[in-house]
Structures are given as C-alpha cells and as structure tokens.
Amino acid sequence: MKRLLPLLTLAVLMSACVKTPETTRFSILGDSFSALEGYVYPDTNEAYPHYNEIGVTGPEQMWWSKVIDSTGWEMEKNNSFSGALMCNFDDFETGDHYGPNSFIRRMDNLGNPHVIFVFGATNDIYHRAPLGDFVYANWTEEQLCSFRPGLAYILETLTHQHPRAKIYLLVDMELCINDVTIEDETRQAYLESMYSIANHYNVNCIEIYGIHKSWWHPNPEGQEDIARQVIEALQIDFNF
C-alpha cells in the first residue's frame, strides 16, 4: 500500500498537467463582403444592409461560417465594417482624409486569434484612394491616406501585435471588375501592390477568383466561391 500511494499521487499530478488541445480561433478584419448584421464585432459596426435582397439570409451562407464547418475552428471576432477602406482615405476631393471606419482604425480590436484574415481593398479602389508609394516605416498621417502605405502599416502592426498568428491577405483577383470606369492598369497596380506588400511581411495571399455577385456583393454562390478557395488554401497549411 505504501508503494501504491506514490504511484497514485504521480498519476494525479500527470493528469493535471495534460492540457486539452486548444481550438483554433480566427478573426476577420474586413468590409461588407464579410459583414452580416448581428455577426460583426463590435456590434456598432455597420453590416451590409441588403444581403437578404441578394439571397444571403443567414450566417450559415457566409464564407466564414463555411470555414468553421470545414475546420472546426471558432471565430473570435469579425471586425468587418460595410463600406470601409483599408487606408484612411475618405473623401480626398473635399479634403476630409480621416477614415473613421478604415481597417487602420479597427485593426487593434481583433482579440487574440491564431489566424487572421484581412479581406478588403474593394472600397479603396472604388472610392479612388490614391495608390501612394511603398513605405515601410515612419508613416505620416498623409501617407496613411493612400493604399500602399496604409496596407503596409496594417500588416506591420498585425505582425507585431500577433507574432504567433498566421495572417492571410485575401485578394479578390477581379477587384471591382464590373466598374468600367476603372482602368485595367489601375486594377492590376492594386493587385500587384497587395502581393508586393504581403511578401515584404511574409504574409500569405489567398487568391479569390470568380466571386458570383449581385449588387456588387457576393450572393450565396459568391460566398461559397470565397469559402471554397479559402478552405483549399488552409488545407495546405493546416492539413485538416
């Protein structure tokens, strides 16, 4: 009996040291493509108001919900805001350069996720935010009103705030393709800029092609398009 007691004590101590595997958590820094009413954080964020008109009637149809179904992960925070630009450009022509809902202004509120999805740029190109220069340090407020410096600042900040998180930049390869007033050269410059900046910070890009849209936004089929391509990319890295 005397010999058994130390063994039992050791077994108890060893069991106490065994930790249950932690569920992978992800957060989203996005715009209306990811913003469904009732499923944004904080809840004061604006969600896209017409999803029901294009057939998206519930969270189960959103791309991030399908990611959850396929991976078993949990969504920590969906900090998406309808109409938001990545950079701080708001209305350059009137001199109002402060973008209160920009990705820059919201990127500090993502919680403590293992994975971060950054999904935007549609509103930057749609509102004609200037590309700006490639700037990777000592940004000025004026520079942050341009796309390239703004995105660099976002990725710089996220990689430092979340050094253990895997960050993905989702890239709509047909960015505002239906806007005939945007020249292909401009569209290509945006896409190439996203890749160049992501590469600078060793952030993976997930290319998203052929998003089916209604009223410029992903309909149920479009949300499926996004989810399928995100999941395919994640399978390579996480082997689930």
Protein backbone atom coordinates (compact mmCIF):
# COMPACT_ATOMS: atom_id res chain seq x y z
CA MET A 1 0.00 0.00 0.00
CA LYS A 2 2.86 2.38 0.82
CA ARG A 3 4.26 1.82 -2.64
CA LEU A 4 0.90 2.35 -4.31
CA LEU A 5 0.29 5.78 -2.80
CA PRO A 6 3.27 7.49 -4.53
CA LEU A 7 2.21 5.94 -7.82
CA LEU A 8 -1.34 7.24 -7.41
CA THR A 9 -0.02 10.68 -6.48
CA LEU A 10 2.19 10.70 -9.57
CA ALA A 11 -0.73 9.69 -11.78
CA VAL A 12 -2.85 12.52 -10.40
CA LEU A 13 -0.07 15.04 -10.97
CA MET A 14 0.49 13.84 -14.52
CA SER A 15 -3.21 14.02 -15.36
CA ALA A 16 -3.34 17.57 -14.05
CA CYS A 17 -0.55 18.52 -16.44
CA VAL A 18 -2.35 17.20 -19.51
CA LYS A 19 -3.97 20.08 -21.38
CA THR A 20 -6.92 19.78 -23.69
CA PRO A 21 -5.91 20.87 -27.20
CA GLU A 22 -6.96 24.48 -27.77
CA THR A 23 -9.47 25.12 -30.53
CA THR A 24 -8.04 27.29 -33.28
CA ARG A 25 -9.61 30.73 -33.26
CA PHE A 26 -9.68 33.17 -36.16
CA SER A 27 -10.57 36.82 -36.55
CA ILE A 28 -11.53 38.84 -39.61
CA LEU A 29 -10.58 42.40 -40.48
CA GLY A 30 -12.89 43.15 -43.36
CA ASP A 31 -15.58 45.10 -45.16
CA SER A 32 -19.12 44.37 -46.36
CA PHE A 33 -18.10 41.09 -48.04
CA SER A 34 -17.82 39.65 -44.53
CA ALA A 35 -20.25 41.84 -42.58
CA LEU A 36 -23.61 40.25 -41.79
CA GLU A 37 -25.96 42.01 -39.39
CA GLY A 38 -25.77 40.51 -35.92
CA TYR A 39 -22.40 38.89 -36.65
CA VAL A 40 -19.96 41.80 -36.53
CA TYR A 41 -17.80 42.96 -33.66
CA PRO A 42 -18.26 45.41 -32.17
CA ASP A 43 -21.99 45.35 -32.84
CA THR A 44 -21.89 49.06 -33.67
CA ASN A 45 -20.10 48.18 -36.93
CA GLU A 46 -22.27 48.65 -39.98
CA ALA A 47 -23.24 45.47 -41.80
CA TYR A 48 -24.18 45.31 -45.45
CA PRO A 49 -27.89 46.21 -45.38
CA HIS A 50 -29.07 44.35 -48.49
CA TYR A 51 -27.77 40.82 -48.05
CA ASN A 52 -31.32 39.50 -47.82
CA GLU A 53 -32.09 41.08 -51.20
CA ILE A 54 -29.29 39.14 -52.86
CA GLY A 55 -30.22 35.86 -51.23
CA VAL A 56 -27.97 35.72 -48.17
CA THR A 57 -30.48 35.23 -45.38
CA GLY A 58 -28.43 33.67 -42.61
CA PRO A 59 -24.91 33.24 -41.20
CA GLU A 60 -24.66 29.68 -42.50
CA GLN A 61 -24.34 31.13 -46.01
CA MET A 62 -21.38 33.38 -45.19
CA TRP A 63 -17.88 32.32 -46.22
CA TRP A 64 -16.56 32.41 -42.67
CA SER A 65 -19.33 30.10 -41.47
CA LYS A 66 -18.37 27.55 -44.12
CA VAL A 67 -14.75 27.82 -42.95
CA ILE A 68 -15.93 26.99 -39.44
CA ASP A 69 -17.88 23.98 -40.71
CA SER A 70 -14.87 22.63 -42.60
CA THR A 71 -12.19 23.27 -39.99
CA GLY A 72 -13.94 23.06 -36.63
CA TRP A 73 -12.36 26.40 -35.77
CA GLU A 74 -14.07 29.17 -33.82
CA MET A 75 -14.49 32.77 -34.93
CA GLU A 76 -13.18 35.07 -32.24
CA LYS A 77 -14.01 38.46 -33.75
CA ASN A 78 -15.45 39.51 -37.08
CA ASN A 79 -14.37 43.14 -37.16
CA SER A 80 -15.87 43.90 -40.55
CA PHE A 81 -17.47 47.21 -41.48
CA SER A 82 -19.56 47.80 -44.59
CA GLY A 83 -18.04 50.41 -46.89
CA ALA A 84 -14.72 50.52 -45.08
CA LEU A 85 -11.45 51.25 -46.84
CA MET A 86 -8.16 49.74 -45.80
CA CYS A 87 -6.39 53.09 -45.74
CA ASN A 88 -7.59 56.29 -44.08
CA PHE A 89 -8.67 57.93 -47.33
CA ASP A 90 -12.30 59.01 -47.05
CA ASP A 91 -13.18 61.83 -49.41
CA PHE A 92 -9.98 63.21 -50.83
CA GLU A 93 -11.69 65.77 -53.07
CA THR A 94 -13.31 67.59 -50.15
CA GLY A 95 -10.16 67.44 -48.06
CA ASP A 96 -11.60 65.02 -45.49
CA HIS A 97 -8.78 62.49 -45.20
CA TYR A 98 -9.90 60.86 -41.96
CA GLY A 99 -11.41 57.41 -42.46
CA PRO A 100 -13.04 56.66 -39.09
CA ASN A 101 -14.02 53.13 -40.11
CA SER A 102 -10.88 52.19 -42.01
CA PHE A 103 -9.04 48.94 -41.42
CA ILE A 104 -6.29 51.02 -39.83
CA ARG A 105 -8.71 52.42 -37.25
CA ARG A 106 -10.11 48.98 -36.37
CA MET A 107 -7.12 46.65 -36.55
CA ASP A 108 -6.36 46.89 -32.81
CA ASN A 109 -9.63 45.13 -31.97
CA LEU A 110 -9.20 41.55 -33.17
CA GLY A 111 -8.79 39.75 -29.87
CA ASN A 112 -6.13 37.05 -29.56
CA PRO A 113 -6.67 34.77 -32.57
CA HIS A 114 -4.45 32.07 -34.00
CA VAL A 115 -5.39 33.05 -37.56
CA ILE A 116 -6.25 36.47 -39.02
CA PHE A 117 -7.99 37.03 -42.34
CA VAL A 118 -7.60 40.51 -43.88
CA PHE A 119 -10.15 40.90 -46.66
CA GLY A 120 -10.65 44.27 -48.32
CA ALA A 121 -9.42 46.75 -50.97
CA THR A 122 -12.75 46.85 -52.85
CA ASN A 123 -13.71 50.18 -51.32
CA ASP A 124 -10.23 51.64 -51.69
CA ILE A 125 -10.26 51.21 -55.46
CA TYR A 126 -13.97 52.01 -55.78
CA HIS A 127 -13.51 55.36 -53.97
CA ARG A 128 -10.32 56.08 -55.93
CA ALA A 129 -7.96 56.13 -52.99
CA PRO A 130 -4.51 57.04 -54.34
CA LEU A 131 -2.02 54.20 -54.52
CA GLY A 132 0.80 56.17 -52.93
CA ASP A 133 4.36 54.94 -52.55
CA PHE A 134 5.70 51.77 -50.97
CA VAL A 135 6.50 52.96 -47.46
CA TYR A 136 7.55 50.51 -44.75
CA ALA A 137 8.42 52.73 -41.79
CA ASN A 138 7.83 56.15 -40.24
CA TRP A 139 4.45 56.67 -41.88
CA THR A 140 2.87 60.12 -41.85
CA GLU A 141 -0.86 60.73 -41.48
CA GLU A 142 -0.97 61.89 -45.08
CA GLN A 143 0.72 58.72 -46.29
CA LEU A 144 -1.80 56.58 -44.44
CA CYS A 145 -4.50 58.13 -46.63
CA SER A 146 -3.02 56.19 -49.56
CA PHE A 147 -3.44 52.50 -50.27
CA ARG A 148 0.13 51.19 -50.34
CA PRO A 149 1.38 52.89 -47.17
CA GLY A 150 -1.93 52.09 -45.45
CA LEU A 151 -1.78 48.37 -46.21
CA ALA A 152 1.88 48.22 -45.21
CA TYR A 153 1.05 49.87 -41.90
CA ILE A 154 -1.75 47.36 -41.29
CA LEU A 155 0.43 44.32 -41.92
CA GLU A 156 3.34 45.79 -39.98
CA THR A 157 1.06 46.36 -36.98
CA LEU A 158 -0.67 42.97 -37.15
CA THR A 159 2.59 41.03 -37.41
CA HIS A 160 3.89 42.80 -34.31
CA GLN A 161 0.67 42.63 -32.30
CA HIS A 162 0.06 38.98 -33.17
CA PRO A 163 3.53 37.44 -33.66
CA ARG A 164 2.22 33.88 -33.28
CA ALA A 165 -0.81 34.29 -35.53
CA LYS A 166 -0.97 33.13 -39.12
CA ILE A 167 -2.08 36.09 -41.24
CA TYR A 168 -3.75 35.75 -44.62
CA LEU A 169 -4.46 38.55 -47.07
CA LEU A 170 -7.45 37.59 -49.20
CA VAL A 171 -7.13 39.05 -52.69
CA ASP A 172 -10.15 39.44 -54.97
CA MET A 173 -8.37 38.91 -58.27
CA GLU A 174 -11.27 40.55 -60.14
CA LEU A 175 -11.30 43.66 -57.96
CA CYS A 176 -14.25 45.87 -58.98
CA ILE A 177 -14.22 44.16 -62.37
CA ASN A 178 -17.73 45.41 -63.18
CA ASP A 179 -16.74 49.06 -62.79
CA VAL A 180 -15.88 50.00 -66.37
CA THR A 181 -14.57 53.39 -65.21
CA ILE A 182 -11.61 51.69 -63.50
CA GLU A 183 -8.81 51.01 -65.95
CA ASP A 184 -7.29 47.55 -66.02
CA GLU A 185 -3.90 49.13 -65.42
CA THR A 186 -5.13 50.64 -62.16
CA ARG A 187 -6.73 47.37 -61.08
CA GLN A 188 -3.52 45.50 -61.81
CA ALA A 189 -1.50 48.05 -59.86
CA TYR A 190 -3.68 47.44 -56.80
CA LEU A 191 -3.32 43.68 -57.09
CA GLU A 192 0.43 43.80 -57.60
CA SER A 193 0.75 46.18 -54.66
CA MET A 194 -1.09 43.77 -52.38
CA TYR A 195 1.24 40.94 -53.35
CA SER A 196 4.37 43.06 -53.00
CA ILE A 197 3.44 44.35 -49.55
CA ALA A 198 2.28 40.95 -48.29
CA ASN A 199 5.56 39.43 -49.49
CA HIS A 200 7.51 42.10 -47.61
CA TYR A 201 5.90 40.92 -44.36
CA ASN A 202 5.85 37.19 -45.23
CA VAL A 203 2.07 37.24 -45.21
CA ASN A 204 0.34 34.63 -47.37
CA CYS A 205 -2.08 35.79 -50.06
CA ILE A 206 -5.15 33.74 -50.90
CA GLU A 207 -6.28 34.40 -54.44
CA ILE A 208 -10.06 34.56 -54.85
CA TYR A 209 -11.39 34.20 -58.38
CA GLY A 210 -14.84 34.31 -59.92
CA ILE A 211 -16.92 35.57 -57.00
CA HIS A 212 -20.57 35.48 -58.06
CA LYS A 213 -22.04 38.84 -57.08
CA SER A 214 -25.34 40.68 -57.02
CA TRP A 215 -25.33 44.43 -56.44
CA TRP A 216 -21.52 44.31 -56.27
CA HIS A 217 -21.59 41.89 -53.34
CA PRO A 218 -21.16 38.13 -53.01
CA ASN A 219 -24.50 36.33 -53.21
CA PRO A 220 -24.90 32.83 -51.72
CA GLU A 221 -22.96 31.30 -54.60
CA GLY A 222 -20.32 34.00 -54.22
CA GLN A 223 -19.91 33.31 -50.52
CA GLU A 224 -19.43 29.65 -51.46
CA ASP A 225 -16.81 30.71 -54.03
CA ILE A 226 -14.86 32.57 -51.35
CA ALA A 227 -15.15 29.80 -48.80
CA ARG A 228 -14.05 27.06 -51.16
CA GLN A 229 -10.88 28.88 -52.15
CA VAL A 230 -10.04 29.89 -48.58
CA ILE A 231 -10.53 26.33 -47.35
CA GLU A 232 -8.34 24.96 -50.16
CA ALA A 233 -5.54 27.30 -49.10
CA LEU A 234 -5.94 26.43 -45.41
CA GLN A 235 -5.81 22.70 -46.11
CA ILE A 236 -2.29 23.12 -47.46
CA ASP A 237 -1.09 24.84 -44.29
CA PHE A 238 -3.11 23.02 -41.61
CA ASN A 239 -3.78 19.56 -43.08
CA PHE A 240 -7.27 19.26 -41.61
